[in-house]
Amino acid sequence: PEVEAALLAHPDVAECAVIGAEDAERGQIVEAHVVLAQGVAPDALTTKRLQDHVKAMIAPYKYPRSVKFIAALPKTQTGKIQRFRLRTEKID
């Protein structure tokens, strides 16, 4: 919730969900799945800008080491984010 709140406070972010992802080097990392606001480019500069924003708002070690840009978050019919699908499926 803390990392998501920090990301949602950035004007480039329309929606986001944060999960723990497997990482060969660290065991597990913070991975953010981000739906960008209209007109924002899904590029390395945007990734860096979002990571720096999170570092400035909360403890720097909590920033998402991986940021994936997606068109829409997978949700149930009632609008709840299906985080398990972010872990198991390739979402575009």
N, C-alpha and C. Protein backbone atom coordinates (compact mmCIF):
# COMPACT_ATOMS: atom_id res chain seq x y z
N PRO A 1 0.81 -1.22 0.00
CA PRO A 1 0.00 0.00 0.00
C PRO A 1 0.85 1.27 0.00
N GLU A 2 1.97 1.24 0.70
CA GLU A 2 2.82 2.43 0.82
C GLU A 2 3.47 2.79 -0.52
N VAL A 3 3.99 1.80 -1.22
CA VAL A 3 4.62 2.04 -2.51
C VAL A 3 3.56 2.44 -3.54
N GLU A 4 2.42 1.76 -3.50
CA GLU A 4 1.32 2.10 -4.42
C GLU A 4 0.86 3.53 -4.19
N ALA A 5 0.71 3.93 -2.94
CA ALA A 5 0.27 5.29 -2.62
C ALA A 5 1.26 6.32 -3.15
N ALA A 6 2.55 6.03 -3.02
CA ALA A 6 3.57 6.95 -3.52
C ALA A 6 3.50 7.05 -5.04
N LEU A 7 3.33 5.92 -5.71
CA LEU A 7 3.22 5.94 -7.17
C LEU A 7 1.97 6.69 -7.63
N LEU A 8 0.86 6.43 -6.96
CA LEU A 8 -0.40 7.08 -7.34
C LEU A 8 -0.37 8.58 -7.13
N ALA A 9 0.52 9.05 -6.27
CA ALA A 9 0.66 10.49 -6.04
C ALA A 9 1.39 11.18 -7.20
N HIS A 10 1.99 10.41 -8.09
CA HIS A 10 2.70 10.99 -9.24
C HIS A 10 1.70 11.23 -10.38
N PRO A 11 1.76 12.39 -11.01
CA PRO A 11 0.79 12.71 -12.07
C PRO A 11 0.87 11.83 -13.32
N ASP A 12 1.98 11.13 -13.52
CA ASP A 12 2.11 10.25 -14.69
C ASP A 12 1.40 8.91 -14.51
N VAL A 13 0.95 8.60 -13.29
CA VAL A 13 0.37 7.30 -12.98
C VAL A 13 -1.15 7.39 -12.88
N ALA A 14 -1.84 6.58 -13.69
CA ALA A 14 -3.30 6.51 -13.63
C ALA A 14 -3.72 5.45 -12.62
N GLU A 15 -3.07 4.29 -12.68
CA GLU A 15 -3.36 3.16 -11.78
C GLU A 15 -2.07 2.38 -11.58
N CYS A 16 -2.01 1.64 -10.49
CA CYS A 16 -0.85 0.77 -10.30
C CYS A 16 -1.17 -0.33 -9.30
N ALA A 17 -0.35 -1.37 -9.36
CA ALA A 17 -0.39 -2.45 -8.39
C ALA A 17 1.05 -2.88 -8.16
N VAL A 18 1.37 -3.20 -6.92
CA VAL A 18 2.73 -3.59 -6.57
C VAL A 18 2.71 -5.01 -6.02
N ILE A 19 3.65 -5.82 -6.50
CA ILE A 19 3.76 -7.20 -6.03
C ILE A 19 5.22 -7.51 -5.71
N GLY A 20 5.43 -8.62 -5.03
CA GLY A 20 6.78 -9.14 -4.84
C GLY A 20 7.08 -10.06 -6.01
N ALA A 21 8.25 -9.90 -6.62
CA ALA A 21 8.63 -10.72 -7.77
C ALA A 21 9.94 -11.43 -7.47
N GLU A 22 10.05 -12.64 -7.98
CA GLU A 22 11.28 -13.42 -7.82
C GLU A 22 12.44 -12.72 -8.51
N ASP A 23 13.60 -12.77 -7.86
CA ASP A 23 14.80 -12.16 -8.43
C ASP A 23 15.98 -13.07 -8.09
N ALA A 24 16.74 -13.44 -9.11
CA ALA A 24 17.87 -14.35 -8.92
C ALA A 24 18.91 -13.79 -7.96
N GLU A 25 19.14 -12.50 -8.02
CA GLU A 25 20.18 -11.88 -7.20
C GLU A 25 19.72 -11.57 -5.78
N ARG A 26 18.50 -11.06 -5.63
CA ARG A 26 18.03 -10.58 -4.33
C ARG A 26 17.00 -11.49 -3.66
N GLY A 27 16.55 -12.50 -4.36
CA GLY A 27 15.51 -13.36 -3.80
C GLY A 27 14.13 -12.87 -4.21
N GLN A 28 13.80 -11.67 -3.76
CA GLN A 28 12.53 -11.06 -4.13
C GLN A 28 12.70 -9.54 -4.21
N ILE A 29 12.02 -8.95 -5.18
CA ILE A 29 12.09 -7.50 -5.36
C ILE A 29 10.67 -6.92 -5.42
N VAL A 30 10.59 -5.62 -5.24
CA VAL A 30 9.33 -4.90 -5.41
C VAL A 30 9.16 -4.64 -6.91
N GLU A 31 8.02 -5.08 -7.45
CA GLU A 31 7.73 -4.89 -8.87
C GLU A 31 6.42 -4.13 -9.00
N ALA A 32 6.46 -3.01 -9.71
CA ALA A 32 5.27 -2.19 -9.92
C ALA A 32 4.72 -2.40 -11.32
N HIS A 33 3.42 -2.61 -11.41
CA HIS A 33 2.72 -2.68 -12.69
C HIS A 33 1.93 -1.39 -12.79
N VAL A 34 2.26 -0.58 -13.78
CA VAL A 34 1.76 0.79 -13.85
C VAL A 34 0.97 1.03 -15.14
N VAL A 35 -0.22 1.61 -14.96
CA VAL A 35 -0.99 2.13 -16.08
C VAL A 35 -0.70 3.63 -16.11
N LEU A 36 -0.09 4.08 -17.18
CA LEU A 36 0.31 5.48 -17.26
C LEU A 36 -0.86 6.39 -17.66
N ALA A 37 -0.76 7.63 -17.26
CA ALA A 37 -1.73 8.64 -17.68
C ALA A 37 -1.59 8.83 -19.19
N GLN A 38 -2.65 9.28 -19.80
CA GLN A 38 -2.66 9.47 -21.25
C GLN A 38 -1.54 10.42 -21.68
N GLY A 39 -0.83 10.02 -22.72
CA GLY A 39 0.22 10.86 -23.28
C GLY A 39 1.60 10.67 -22.66
N VAL A 40 1.71 9.83 -21.64
CA VAL A 40 3.01 9.59 -20.99
C VAL A 40 3.68 8.40 -21.67
N ALA A 41 4.93 8.56 -22.04
CA ALA A 41 5.67 7.51 -22.74
C ALA A 41 6.17 6.44 -21.77
N PRO A 42 5.97 5.15 -22.11
CA PRO A 42 6.47 4.06 -21.28
C PRO A 42 7.93 3.76 -21.59
N ASP A 43 8.82 4.61 -21.11
CA ASP A 43 10.23 4.46 -21.45
C ASP A 43 11.11 4.47 -20.20
N ALA A 44 12.41 4.35 -20.41
CA ALA A 44 13.37 4.29 -19.30
C ALA A 44 13.36 5.58 -18.48
N LEU A 45 13.14 6.71 -19.13
CA LEU A 45 13.08 7.99 -18.42
C LEU A 45 11.89 8.03 -17.46
N THR A 46 10.75 7.52 -17.91
CA THR A 46 9.57 7.47 -17.05
C THR A 46 9.82 6.52 -15.88
N THR A 47 10.43 5.38 -16.15
CA THR A 47 10.76 4.44 -15.08
C THR A 47 11.62 5.12 -14.02
N LYS A 48 12.67 5.78 -14.44
CA LYS A 48 13.58 6.47 -13.50
C LYS A 48 12.85 7.55 -12.73
N ARG A 49 12.00 8.31 -13.41
CA ARG A 49 11.25 9.38 -12.77
C ARG A 49 10.33 8.81 -11.67
N LEU A 50 9.67 7.70 -11.96
CA LEU A 50 8.78 7.09 -10.97
C LEU A 50 9.58 6.51 -9.80
N GLN A 51 10.69 5.85 -10.09
CA GLN A 51 11.53 5.29 -9.03
C GLN A 51 12.06 6.40 -8.12
N ASP A 52 12.53 7.49 -8.70
CA ASP A 52 13.04 8.61 -7.91
C ASP A 52 11.94 9.25 -7.07
N HIS A 53 10.73 9.31 -7.62
CA HIS A 53 9.59 9.87 -6.90
C HIS A 53 9.29 9.03 -5.64
N VAL A 54 9.28 7.71 -5.81
CA VAL A 54 9.01 6.82 -4.67
C VAL A 54 10.12 6.97 -3.62
N LYS A 55 11.37 7.00 -4.05
CA LYS A 55 12.49 7.15 -3.12
C LYS A 55 12.37 8.44 -2.31
N ALA A 56 11.86 9.50 -2.92
CA ALA A 56 11.72 10.79 -2.24
C ALA A 56 10.55 10.81 -1.26
N MET A 57 9.55 9.95 -1.49
CA MET A 57 8.34 9.97 -0.66
C MET A 57 8.40 9.00 0.53
N ILE A 58 9.03 7.85 0.32
CA ILE A 58 9.10 6.84 1.39
C ILE A 58 10.55 6.38 1.52
N ALA A 59 10.77 5.41 2.40
CA ALA A 59 12.14 4.90 2.59
C ALA A 59 12.72 4.45 1.25
N PRO A 60 13.89 4.95 0.89
CA PRO A 60 14.46 4.67 -0.43
C PRO A 60 14.61 3.19 -0.77
N TYR A 61 14.84 2.34 0.22
CA TYR A 61 15.03 0.92 -0.08
C TYR A 61 13.73 0.24 -0.54
N LYS A 62 12.60 0.90 -0.37
CA LYS A 62 11.30 0.31 -0.75
C LYS A 62 10.92 0.56 -2.21
N TYR A 63 11.73 1.31 -2.94
CA TYR A 63 11.34 1.67 -4.31
C TYR A 63 11.22 0.42 -5.19
N PRO A 64 10.36 0.48 -6.23
CA PRO A 64 10.22 -0.67 -7.12
C PRO A 64 11.43 -0.82 -8.03
N ARG A 65 12.13 -1.93 -7.89
CA ARG A 65 13.31 -2.16 -8.73
C ARG A 65 12.90 -2.55 -10.15
N SER A 66 11.68 -3.01 -10.29
CA SER A 66 11.15 -3.34 -11.62
C SER A 66 9.84 -2.57 -11.80
N VAL A 67 9.72 -1.90 -12.95
CA VAL A 67 8.49 -1.19 -13.29
C VAL A 67 8.04 -1.71 -14.65
N LYS A 68 6.83 -2.25 -14.68
CA LYS A 68 6.27 -2.76 -15.93
C LYS A 68 5.07 -1.89 -16.29
N PHE A 69 5.07 -1.41 -17.52
CA PHE A 69 3.96 -0.58 -17.99
C PHE A 69 2.94 -1.47 -18.70
N ILE A 70 1.69 -1.36 -18.30
CA ILE A 70 0.63 -2.17 -18.88
C ILE A 70 -0.55 -1.27 -19.26
N ALA A 71 -1.37 -1.76 -20.17
CA ALA A 71 -2.52 -0.99 -20.66
C ALA A 71 -3.63 -0.92 -19.62
N ALA A 72 -3.81 -2.03 -18.88
CA ALA A 72 -4.87 -2.08 -17.86
C ALA A 72 -4.51 -3.14 -16.83
N LEU A 73 -4.92 -2.92 -15.60
CA LEU A 73 -4.70 -3.91 -14.54
C LEU A 73 -5.78 -4.98 -14.64
N PRO A 74 -5.42 -6.25 -14.41
CA PRO A 74 -6.44 -7.30 -14.41
C PRO A 74 -7.31 -7.15 -13.16
N LYS A 75 -8.63 -7.13 -13.37
CA LYS A 75 -9.55 -6.91 -12.24
C LYS A 75 -10.71 -7.89 -12.30
N THR A 76 -11.32 -8.09 -11.14
CA THR A 76 -12.55 -8.87 -11.06
C THR A 76 -13.70 -8.01 -11.56
N GLN A 77 -14.88 -8.61 -11.66
CA GLN A 77 -16.06 -7.85 -12.09
C GLN A 77 -16.40 -6.73 -11.12
N THR A 78 -15.99 -6.87 -9.87
CA THR A 78 -16.28 -5.84 -8.87
C THR A 78 -15.16 -4.79 -8.78
N GLY A 79 -14.13 -4.94 -9.61
CA GLY A 79 -13.08 -3.93 -9.67
C GLY A 79 -11.87 -4.18 -8.79
N LYS A 80 -11.81 -5.34 -8.14
CA LYS A 80 -10.65 -5.66 -7.30
C LYS A 80 -9.50 -6.15 -8.18
N ILE A 81 -8.30 -5.63 -7.91
CA ILE A 81 -7.12 -6.01 -8.70
C ILE A 81 -6.76 -7.47 -8.44
N GLN A 82 -6.54 -8.21 -9.51
CA GLN A 82 -6.16 -9.62 -9.42
C GLN A 82 -4.63 -9.73 -9.45
N ARG A 83 -4.02 -9.56 -8.29
CA ARG A 83 -2.56 -9.56 -8.21
C ARG A 83 -1.95 -10.90 -8.64
N PHE A 84 -2.66 -11.98 -8.39
CA PHE A 84 -2.13 -13.29 -8.78
C PHE A 84 -1.90 -13.35 -10.29
N ARG A 85 -2.72 -12.66 -11.06
CA ARG A 85 -2.54 -12.65 -12.51
C ARG A 85 -1.30 -11.86 -12.91
N LEU A 86 -0.96 -10.85 -12.13
CA LEU A 86 0.27 -10.10 -12.41
C LEU A 86 1.49 -10.99 -12.21
N ARG A 87 1.40 -11.93 -11.28
CA ARG A 87 2.52 -12.84 -11.00
C ARG A 87 2.62 -13.95 -12.03
N THR A 88 1.47 -14.41 -12.53
CA THR A 88 1.48 -15.63 -13.34
C THR A 88 1.30 -15.42 -14.84
N GLU A 89 0.79 -14.27 -15.24
CA GLU A 89 0.52 -14.04 -16.66
C GLU A 89 1.34 -12.89 -17.19
N LYS A 90 1.60 -12.93 -18.47
CA LYS A 90 2.24 -11.79 -19.13
C LYS A 90 1.11 -10.84 -19.52
N ILE A 91 1.04 -9.71 -18.85
CA ILE A 91 -0.03 -8.73 -19.08
C ILE A 91 0.54 -7.60 -19.94
N ASP A 92 -0.18 -7.25 -20.99
CA ASP A 92 0.24 -6.12 -21.85
C ASP A 92 -0.70 -4.95 -21.69
